[in-house]
C-alpha atoms as a PDB file:
ATOM      1  CA  MET A   1    -100.992 -35.600-112.405  1.00  0.00           C
ATOM      2  CA  THR A   2     -98.696 -37.013-115.082  1.00  0.00           C
ATOM      3  CA  TYR A   3     -99.508 -40.083-117.188  1.00  0.00           C
ATOM      4  CA  THR A   4     -96.900 -42.154-115.316  1.00  0.00           C
ATOM      5  CA  GLU A   5     -98.371 -41.160-111.952  1.00  0.00           C
ATOM      6  CA  ASN A   6    -101.804 -41.993-113.319  1.00  0.00           C
ATOM      7  CA  LEU A   7    -100.671 -45.521-114.275  1.00  0.00           C
ATOM      8  CA  TRP A   8     -99.046 -46.122-110.892  1.00  0.00           C
ATOM      9  CA  LEU A   9    -102.253 -45.080-109.175  1.00  0.00           C
ATOM     10  CA  PHE A  10    -104.242 -47.394-111.432  1.00  0.00           C
ATOM     11  CA  PHE A  11    -101.907 -50.306-110.697  1.00  0.00           C
ATOM     12  CA  THR A  12    -102.089 -49.698-106.940  1.00  0.00           C
ATOM     13  CA  LEU A  13    -105.863 -49.714-107.038  1.00  0.00           C
ATOM     14  CA  LEU A  14    -105.993 -52.680-109.415  1.00  0.00           C
ATOM     15  CA  PHE A  15    -103.694 -54.827-107.274  1.00  0.00           C
ATOM     16  CA  GLY A  16    -105.666 -53.944-104.143  1.00  0.00           C
ATOM     17  CA  ILE A  17    -108.922 -55.064-105.737  1.00  0.00           C
ATOM     18  CA  ILE A  18    -107.628 -58.274-107.347  1.00  0.00           C
ATOM     19  CA  VAL A  19    -105.912 -59.465-104.170  1.00  0.00           C
ATOM     20  CA  VAL A  20    -109.195 -59.318-102.193  1.00  0.00           C
ATOM     21  CA  PRO A  21    -110.511 -62.900-101.785  1.00  0.00           C
ATOM     22  CA  GLY A  22    -113.549 -63.445-103.994  1.00  0.00           C
ATOM     23  CA  MET A  23    -115.238 -65.711-106.513  1.00  0.00           C
ATOM     24  CA  ASP A  24    -112.395 -65.648-109.053  1.00  0.00           C
ATOM     25  CA  MET A  25    -109.735 -66.385-106.461  1.00  0.00           C
ATOM     26  CA  ILE A  26    -111.679 -69.289-104.949  1.00  0.00           C
ATOM     27  CA  PHE A  27    -112.291 -70.773-108.413  1.00  0.00           C
ATOM     28  CA  VAL A  28    -108.572 -70.751-109.244  1.00  0.00           C
ATOM     29  CA  LEU A  29    -107.663 -72.227-105.877  1.00  0.00           C
ATOM     30  CA  ALA A  30    -110.318 -74.963-106.160  1.00  0.00           C
ATOM     31  CA  ASN A  31    -109.012 -76.038-109.567  1.00  0.00           C
ATOM     32  CA  SER A  32    -105.417 -76.031-108.363  1.00  0.00           C
ATOM     33  CA  LEU A  33    -106.198 -78.129-105.287  1.00  0.00           C
ATOM     34  CA  THR A  34    -108.528 -80.530-107.095  1.00  0.00           C
ATOM     35  CA  ARG A  35    -106.788 -81.041-110.428  1.00  0.00           C
ATOM     36  CA  GLY A  36    -103.294 -79.591-110.081  1.00  0.00           C
ATOM     37  CA  ARG A  37    -101.371 -76.472-111.044  1.00  0.00           C
ATOM     38  CA  ALA A  38    -102.103 -76.749-114.779  1.00  0.00           C
ATOM     39  CA  ALA A  39    -105.848 -76.647-114.114  1.00  0.00           C
ATOM     40  CA  GLY A  40    -105.382 -73.656-111.828  1.00  0.00           C
ATOM     41  CA  LEU A  41    -103.397 -71.848-114.512  1.00  0.00           C
ATOM     42  CA  ALA A  42    -106.085 -72.714-117.094  1.00  0.00           C
ATOM     43  CA  ALA A  43    -108.694 -71.180-114.784  1.00  0.00           C
ATOM     44  CA  THR A  44    -106.446 -68.141-114.386  1.00  0.00           C
ATOM     45  CA  ALA A  45    -106.212 -67.786-118.183  1.00  0.00           C
ATOM     46  CA  GLY A  46    -110.006 -67.895-118.426  1.00  0.00           C
ATOM     47  CA  ILE A  47    -110.373 -65.172-115.812  1.00  0.00           C
ATOM     48  CA  MET A  48    -107.785 -63.082-117.649  1.00  0.00           C
ATOM     49  CA  ALA A  49    -109.832 -63.465-120.862  1.00  0.00           C
ATOM     50  CA  GLY A  50    -112.930 -62.309-118.999  1.00  0.00           C
ATOM     51  CA  GLY A  51    -110.971 -59.390-117.588  1.00  0.00           C
ATOM     52  CA  LEU A  52    -109.987 -58.319-121.097  1.00  0.00           C
ATOM     53  CA  VAL A  53    -113.680 -58.246-122.029  1.00  0.00           C
ATOM     54  CA  HIS A  54    -114.392 -56.070-118.996  1.00  0.00           C
ATOM     55  CA  SER A  55    -111.537 -53.773-120.004  1.00  0.00           C
ATOM     56  CA  LEU A  56    -112.905 -53.498-123.543  1.00  0.00           C
ATOM     57  CA  TYR A  57    -116.371 -52.737-122.180  1.00  0.00           C
ATOM     58  CA  GLY A  58    -115.036 -49.975-119.940  1.00  0.00           C
ATOM     59  CA  ALA A  59    -112.835 -48.495-122.647  1.00  0.00           C
ATOM     60  CA  LEU A  60    -115.650 -48.426-125.215  1.00  0.00           C
ATOM     61  CA  GLY A  61    -117.973 -46.776-122.716  1.00  0.00           C
ATOM     62  CA  VAL A  62    -115.484 -44.048-121.881  1.00  0.00           C
ATOM     63  CA  GLY A  63    -114.462 -43.610-125.518  1.00  0.00           C
ATOM     64  CA  LEU A  64    -118.031 -43.232-126.759  1.00  0.00           C
ATOM     65  CA  LEU A  65    -118.864 -40.792-123.999  1.00  0.00           C
ATOM     66  CA  ALA A  66    -115.761 -38.688-124.635  1.00  0.00           C
ATOM     67  CA  HIS A  67    -116.543 -38.616-128.382  1.00  0.00           C
ATOM     68  CA  LEU A  68    -120.328 -38.230-128.408  1.00  0.00           C
ATOM     69  CA  MET A  69    -121.046 -36.377-125.170  1.00  0.00           C
ATOM     70  CA  PRO A  70    -117.820 -34.850-123.838  1.00  0.00           C
ATOM     71  CA  VAL A  71    -119.802 -32.488-121.607  1.00  0.00           C
ATOM     72  CA  LEU A  72    -120.869 -35.504-119.542  1.00  0.00           C
ATOM     73  CA  PHE A  73    -117.349 -36.830-119.042  1.00  0.00           C
ATOM     74  CA  ARG A  74    -116.592 -34.772-115.940  1.00  0.00           C
ATOM     75  CA  PRO A  75    -119.940 -35.534-114.242  1.00  0.00           C
ATOM     76  CA  LEU A  76    -119.254 -39.233-114.897  1.00  0.00           C
ATOM     77  CA  LEU A  77    -115.847 -38.768-113.295  1.00  0.00           C
ATOM     78  CA  ILE A  78    -117.493 -37.370-110.169  1.00  0.00           C
ATOM     79  CA  VAL A  79    -120.216 -40.037-110.041  1.00  0.00           C
ATOM     80  CA  GLY A  80    -117.616 -42.766-110.563  1.00  0.00           C
ATOM     81  CA  ALA A  81    -115.471 -41.379-107.754  1.00  0.00           C
ATOM     82  CA  LEU A  82    -118.461 -41.364-105.399  1.00  0.00           C
ATOM     83  CA  TYR A  83    -119.312 -44.937-106.398  1.00  0.00           C
ATOM     84  CA  MET A  84    -115.716 -46.038-105.740  1.00  0.00           C
ATOM     85  CA  ALA A  85    -115.840 -44.339-102.343  1.00  0.00           C
ATOM     86  CA  TRP A  86    -119.058 -46.217-101.520  1.00  0.00           C
ATOM     87  CA  ILE A  87    -117.425 -49.536-102.443  1.00  0.00           C
ATOM     88  CA  GLY A  88    -114.412 -48.581-100.336  1.00  0.00           C
ATOM     89  CA  PHE A  89    -116.518 -47.792 -97.270  1.00  0.00           C
ATOM     90  CA  SER A  90    -118.393 -51.080 -97.774  1.00  0.00           C
ATOM     91  CA  LEU A  91    -115.091 -52.986 -97.778  1.00  0.00           C
ATOM     92  CA  LEU A  92    -113.904 -51.150 -94.674  1.00  0.00           C
ATOM     93  CA  ARG A  93    -117.042 -52.208 -92.823  1.00  0.00           C
ATOM     94  CA  SER A  94    -117.064 -55.783 -94.095  1.00  0.00           C
ATOM     95  CA  SER A  95    -115.343 -58.875 -92.736  1.00  0.00           C
ATOM     96  CA  ILE A  96    -114.197 -60.968 -95.687  1.00  0.00           C
ATOM     97  CA  THR A  97    -113.474 -64.562 -94.729  1.00  0.00           C
ATOM     98  CA  VAL A  98    -112.968 -67.829 -96.620  1.00  0.00           C
ATOM     99  CA  ASP A  99    -114.395 -70.802 -94.714  1.00  0.00           C
ATOM    100  CA  HIS A 100    -113.476 -73.560 -97.139  1.00  0.00           C
ATOM    101  CA  VAL A 101    -112.520 -74.308-100.748  1.00  0.00           C
ATOM    102  CA  GLY A 102    -114.718 -76.959-102.354  1.00  0.00           C
ATOM    103  CA  PRO A 103    -114.065 -79.188-105.377  1.00  0.00           C
ATOM    104  CA  ALA A 104    -113.551 -77.502-108.723  1.00  0.00           C
ATOM    105  CA  GLN A 105    -116.276 -79.389-110.645  1.00  0.00           C
ATOM    106  CA  THR A 106    -114.305 -79.075-113.883  1.00  0.00           C
ATOM    107  CA  ARG A 107    -113.435 -82.024-116.137  1.00  0.00           C
ATOM    108  CA  SER A 108    -110.566 -80.657-118.247  1.00  0.00           C
ATOM    109  CA  HIS A 109    -108.229 -77.704-118.622  1.00  0.00           C
ATOM    110  CA  ARG A 110    -110.460 -76.385-121.409  1.00  0.00           C
ATOM    111  CA  ASP A 111    -113.452 -76.604-119.076  1.00  0.00           C
ATOM    112  CA  ALA A 112    -111.491 -74.780-116.378  1.00  0.00           C
ATOM    113  CA  PHE A 113    -110.628 -72.022-118.860  1.00  0.00           C
ATOM    114  CA  ARG A 114    -114.218 -71.707-120.080  1.00  0.00           C
ATOM    115  CA  ARG A 115    -115.738 -71.668-116.611  1.00  0.00           C
ATOM    116  CA  GLY A 116    -113.105 -69.227-115.401  1.00  0.00           C
ATOM    117  CA  MET A 117    -114.042 -66.820-118.185  1.00  0.00           C
ATOM    118  CA  VAL A 118    -117.767 -67.255-117.518  1.00  0.00           C
ATOM    119  CA  THR A 119    -117.246 -66.771-113.774  1.00  0.00           C
ATOM    120  CA  CYS A 120    -115.543 -63.467-114.497  1.00  0.00           C
ATOM    121  CA  LEU A 121    -118.091 -62.334-117.092  1.00  0.00           C
ATOM    122  CA  ILE A 122    -121.306 -63.079-115.174  1.00  0.00           C
ATOM    123  CA  ASN A 123    -120.424 -60.763-112.309  1.00  0.00           C
ATOM    124  CA  PRO A 124    -122.588 -57.659-112.873  1.00  0.00           C
ATOM    125  CA  LYS A 125    -120.683 -55.688-110.248  1.00  0.00           C
ATOM    126  CA  ALA A 126    -117.563 -55.994-112.409  1.00  0.00           C
ATOM    127  CA  TYR A 127    -119.228 -54.064-115.243  1.00  0.00           C
ATOM    128  CA  LEU A 128    -120.366 -51.318-112.896  1.00  0.00           C
ATOM    129  CA  PHE A 129    -116.917 -51.189-111.363  1.00  0.00           C
ATOM    130  CA  MET A 130    -115.234 -50.841-114.747  1.00  0.00           C
ATOM    131  CA  LEU A 131    -117.536 -47.969-115.659  1.00  0.00           C
ATOM    132  CA  ALA A 132    -116.658 -46.317-112.356  1.00  0.00           C
ATOM    133  CA  VAL A 133    -112.902 -46.956-112.554  1.00  0.00           C
ATOM    134  CA  TYR A 134    -112.024 -46.370-116.197  1.00  0.00           C
ATOM    135  CA  PRO A 135    -113.131 -42.713-116.354  1.00  0.00           C
ATOM    136  CA  GLN A 136    -110.777 -42.021-113.445  1.00  0.00           C
ATOM    137  CA  PHE A 137    -107.702 -43.197-115.367  1.00  0.00           C
ATOM    138  CA  LEU A 138    -108.587 -43.195-119.075  1.00  0.00           C
ATOM    139  CA  ARG A 139    -108.210 -39.492-119.840  1.00  0.00           C
ATOM    140  CA  PRO A 140    -108.305 -37.721-123.239  1.00  0.00           C
ATOM    141  CA  GLU A 141    -105.529 -35.379-122.100  1.00  0.00           C
ATOM    142  CA  PHE A 142    -103.088 -38.313-121.928  1.00  0.00           C
ATOM    143  CA  GLY A 143    -103.363 -39.102-125.637  1.00  0.00           C
ATOM    144  CA  PRO A 144    -105.293 -41.600-127.772  1.00  0.00           C
ATOM    145  CA  LEU A 145    -107.781 -43.536-125.660  1.00  0.00           C
ATOM    146  CA  ALA A 146    -107.147 -46.777-127.566  1.00  0.00           C
ATOM    147  CA  ARG A 147    -103.478 -46.736-126.620  1.00  0.00           C
ATOM    148  CA  GLN A 148    -104.257 -45.976-122.988  1.00  0.00           C
ATOM    149  CA  ALA A 149    -106.892 -48.718-122.885  1.00  0.00           C
ATOM    150  CA  THR A 150    -104.435 -51.242-124.316  1.00  0.00           C
ATOM    151  CA  VAL A 151    -101.875 -50.420-121.632  1.00  0.00           C
ATOM    152  CA  MET A 152    -104.483 -50.668-118.860  1.00  0.00           C
ATOM    153  CA  ALA A 153    -105.859 -53.957-120.230  1.00  0.00           C
ATOM    154  CA  GLY A 154    -102.321 -55.350-120.296  1.00  0.00           C
ATOM    155  CA  MET A 155    -101.744 -54.228-116.720  1.00  0.00           C
ATOM    156  CA  THR A 156    -105.004 -55.869-115.650  1.00  0.00           C
ATOM    157  CA  ALA A 157    -104.112 -59.188-117.294  1.00  0.00           C
ATOM    158  CA  ALA A 158    -100.572 -59.110-115.878  1.00  0.00           C
ATOM    159  CA  THR A 159    -101.845 -58.414-112.359  1.00  0.00           C
ATOM    160  CA  GLN A 160    -104.403 -61.216-112.599  1.00  0.00           C
ATOM    161  CA  LEU A 161    -101.639 -63.566-113.766  1.00  0.00           C
ATOM    162  CA  LEU A 162     -99.398 -62.464-110.895  1.00  0.00           C
ATOM    163  CA  VAL A 163    -102.046 -62.931-108.189  1.00  0.00           C
ATOM    164  CA  TYR A 164    -104.143 -65.835-109.475  1.00  0.00           C
ATOM    165  CA  GLY A 165    -101.242 -67.573-111.208  1.00  0.00           C
ATOM    166  CA  GLY A 166     -99.279 -67.342-107.984  1.00  0.00           C
ATOM    167  CA  LEU A 167    -102.191 -68.975-106.161  1.00  0.00           C
ATOM    168  CA  ALA A 168    -102.295 -71.749-108.739  1.00  0.00           C
ATOM    169  CA  VAL A 169     -98.585 -72.491-108.364  1.00  0.00           C
ATOM    170  CA  ALA A 170     -98.616 -72.343-104.547  1.00  0.00           C
ATOM    171  CA  ALA A 171    -102.093 -73.792-104.005  1.00  0.00           C
ATOM    172  CA  GLY A 172    -101.426 -75.624-100.738  1.00  0.00           C
ATOM    173  CA  ARG A 173     -99.779 -72.681 -99.005  1.00  0.00           C
ATOM    174  CA  ALA A 174    -102.375 -70.313-100.479  1.00  0.00           C
ATOM    175  CA  ARG A 175    -105.173 -72.381 -98.941  1.00  0.00           C
ATOM    176  CA  GLU A 176    -103.472 -72.149 -95.555  1.00  0.00           C
ATOM    177  CA  LEU A 177    -103.273 -68.376 -95.925  1.00  0.00           C
ATOM    178  CA  LEU A 178    -106.918 -67.976 -96.961  1.00  0.00           C
ATOM    179  CA  VAL A 179    -108.917 -70.674 -95.186  1.00  0.00           C
ATOM    180  CA  GLY A 180    -109.208 -70.182 -91.463  1.00  0.00           C
ATOM    181  CA  ASN A 181    -106.980 -67.097 -91.467  1.00  0.00           C
ATOM    182  CA  SER A 182    -109.822 -64.641 -91.074  1.00  0.00           C
ATOM    183  CA  THR A 183    -107.666 -61.829 -89.691  1.00  0.00           C
ATOM    184  CA  ALA A 184    -105.518 -61.710 -92.830  1.00  0.00           C
ATOM    185  CA  THR A 185    -108.431 -61.774 -95.287  1.00  0.00           C
ATOM    186  CA  ILE A 186    -110.357 -59.161 -93.319  1.00  0.00           C
ATOM    187  CA  TRP A 187    -107.396 -56.781 -93.372  1.00  0.00           C
ATOM    188  CA  VAL A 188    -106.775 -57.400 -97.068  1.00  0.00           C
ATOM    189  CA  GLY A 189    -110.369 -56.326 -97.761  1.00  0.00           C
ATOM    190  CA  ARG A 190    -110.138 -53.295 -95.531  1.00  0.00           C
ATOM    191  CA  THR A 191    -106.828 -52.214 -97.055  1.00  0.00           C
ATOM    192  CA  ALA A 192    -108.410 -52.454-100.515  1.00  0.00           C
ATOM    193  CA  GLY A 193    -111.337 -50.388 -99.231  1.00  0.00           C
ATOM    194  CA  LEU A 194    -108.958 -47.709 -97.973  1.00  0.00           C
ATOM    195  CA  LEU A 195    -107.194 -47.640-101.350  1.00  0.00           C
ATOM    196  CA  LEU A 196    -110.532 -47.168-103.114  1.00  0.00           C
ATOM    197  CA  ILE A 197    -111.458 -44.283-100.834  1.00  0.00           C
ATOM    198  CA  LEU A 198    -108.104 -42.551-101.292  1.00  0.00           C
ATOM    199  CA  VAL A 199    -108.233 -42.878-105.078  1.00  0.00           C
ATOM    200  CA  SER A 200    -111.849 -41.697-105.165  1.00  0.00           C
ATOM    201  CA  PHE A 201    -110.958 -38.587-103.162  1.00  0.00           C
ATOM    202  CA  ILE A 202    -108.085 -37.790-105.521  1.00  0.00           C
ATOM    203  CA  THR A 203    -110.257 -38.128-108.618  1.00  0.00           C
ATOM    204  CA  LEU A 204    -113.162 -36.329-106.973  1.00  0.00           C
ATOM    205  CA  TRP A 205    -110.865 -33.391-106.216  1.00  0.00           C
ATOM    206  CA  GLU A 206    -109.686 -33.324-109.819  1.00  0.00           C
ATOM    207  CA  GLY A 207    -113.270 -33.559-111.088  1.00  0.00           C
ATOM    208  CA  VAL A 208    -114.512 -30.715-108.913  1.00  0.00           C
ATOM    209  CA  ALA A 209    -111.435 -28.479-109.093  1.00  0.00           C
ATOM    210  CA  GLY A 210    -110.946 -29.040-112.818  1.00  0.00           C
END
């Protein structure tokens, strides 16, 4: 797999995960509906800041492991692939629905930014996910890890801006698409689950065959 193919695979997986309705998405939508587009974009910026912290956490973990204990890098690749497959199967079996979007409970754009960042950071599953995902795509054979991590962090922030920022701008229509449209949200989750399984099989094959 080339570096370009690796980035496309990362983006495909990243977009599939971010577009699944969850806590971050509901927070952005609540702010947009309650206090307007600017508040929704402020919440989006906060979530992007939290995502950068997650990216840094994942990159440091992979970098330290590759530097201090390179012999464990491939086993981590295999374990991460299995963990991603488990998440994928869980999404395939789940039925993700959004019943309603409540009030934002934020008083200012700064508050929306701060709470958006905290909402992103307090999710423990996000840290586990980053540790599972980053070893699949942050590879020593593709060059300096810092440069790769910067590109992946930028892609993460841009994808969050595209998805959550789009929700903030089109809040009313987004609510119609999410609330009460259980078929759409269920299939979004299951499609993301399928993407996770496919990517995990690819990386598992590379980990075992390599």
